[in-house]
Amino acid sequence: MKQSTLEIFGPSITIVLIFLVAFLLRDCSINESVKPIKQQTIISQHDRDLNKLEPLLDAIEYVEGWDGKPTLGIDGERGPYQITEAYWRDSGELGDFELCDSKPYAKNVVVAYMRRYCPDAIRNNDWEVIARIHNGGPTGNTKSSTKQYWYRVFFYMDRKLEEGLTK
């Protein structure tokens, strides 16, 4: 009686196929910590911008008079940077407006807003444009009413720089 090739090599072929499939799938394990490359790039750029803006954010916090407690402004502005609800919405940051009372969240809102309205100013370290847009909205850098705000931010940053140089 003649045996077919499958009958003769059946178990061996099955084992070889299992190893082949396992070999091909070895790098396809599901890992939730792996994010798409584009998302990682956006996150790291956001973090770089946040680090770059840190001295300016400190100055804005000082000018806005934040004392570390939840602060509600005259027109409903919130947190260390006195963010309005419209500003928060424009930033596109996920979460609730009330989270602007939290300094880390509020920083992310400011960075997202600036990345939307003045990415060139971030790239060029143009603190005046950024501060004036923070104070006066998307076209704040063109409004004469934001000049005084910029001067207050600038003088705080300048004082901090001088203090750092004299220590």
Foldseek 3Di string as FASTA:
>chain_A
DDDDPCVVCVVVVVVVVVVVVCVVCVPVDDDVVDDPPVVVVVVVVLVVLLVLCVLLLVLLLVLVPDDLAWDQDPQGQTASNRHDPVLQVQLVDDDDNSCCNPPVSVSSSLSSSCCVQPVVCSVVVVSLQSQQCSVPNSCSSVDPVSPVVSVSSVVVSVVVVVVVVVD
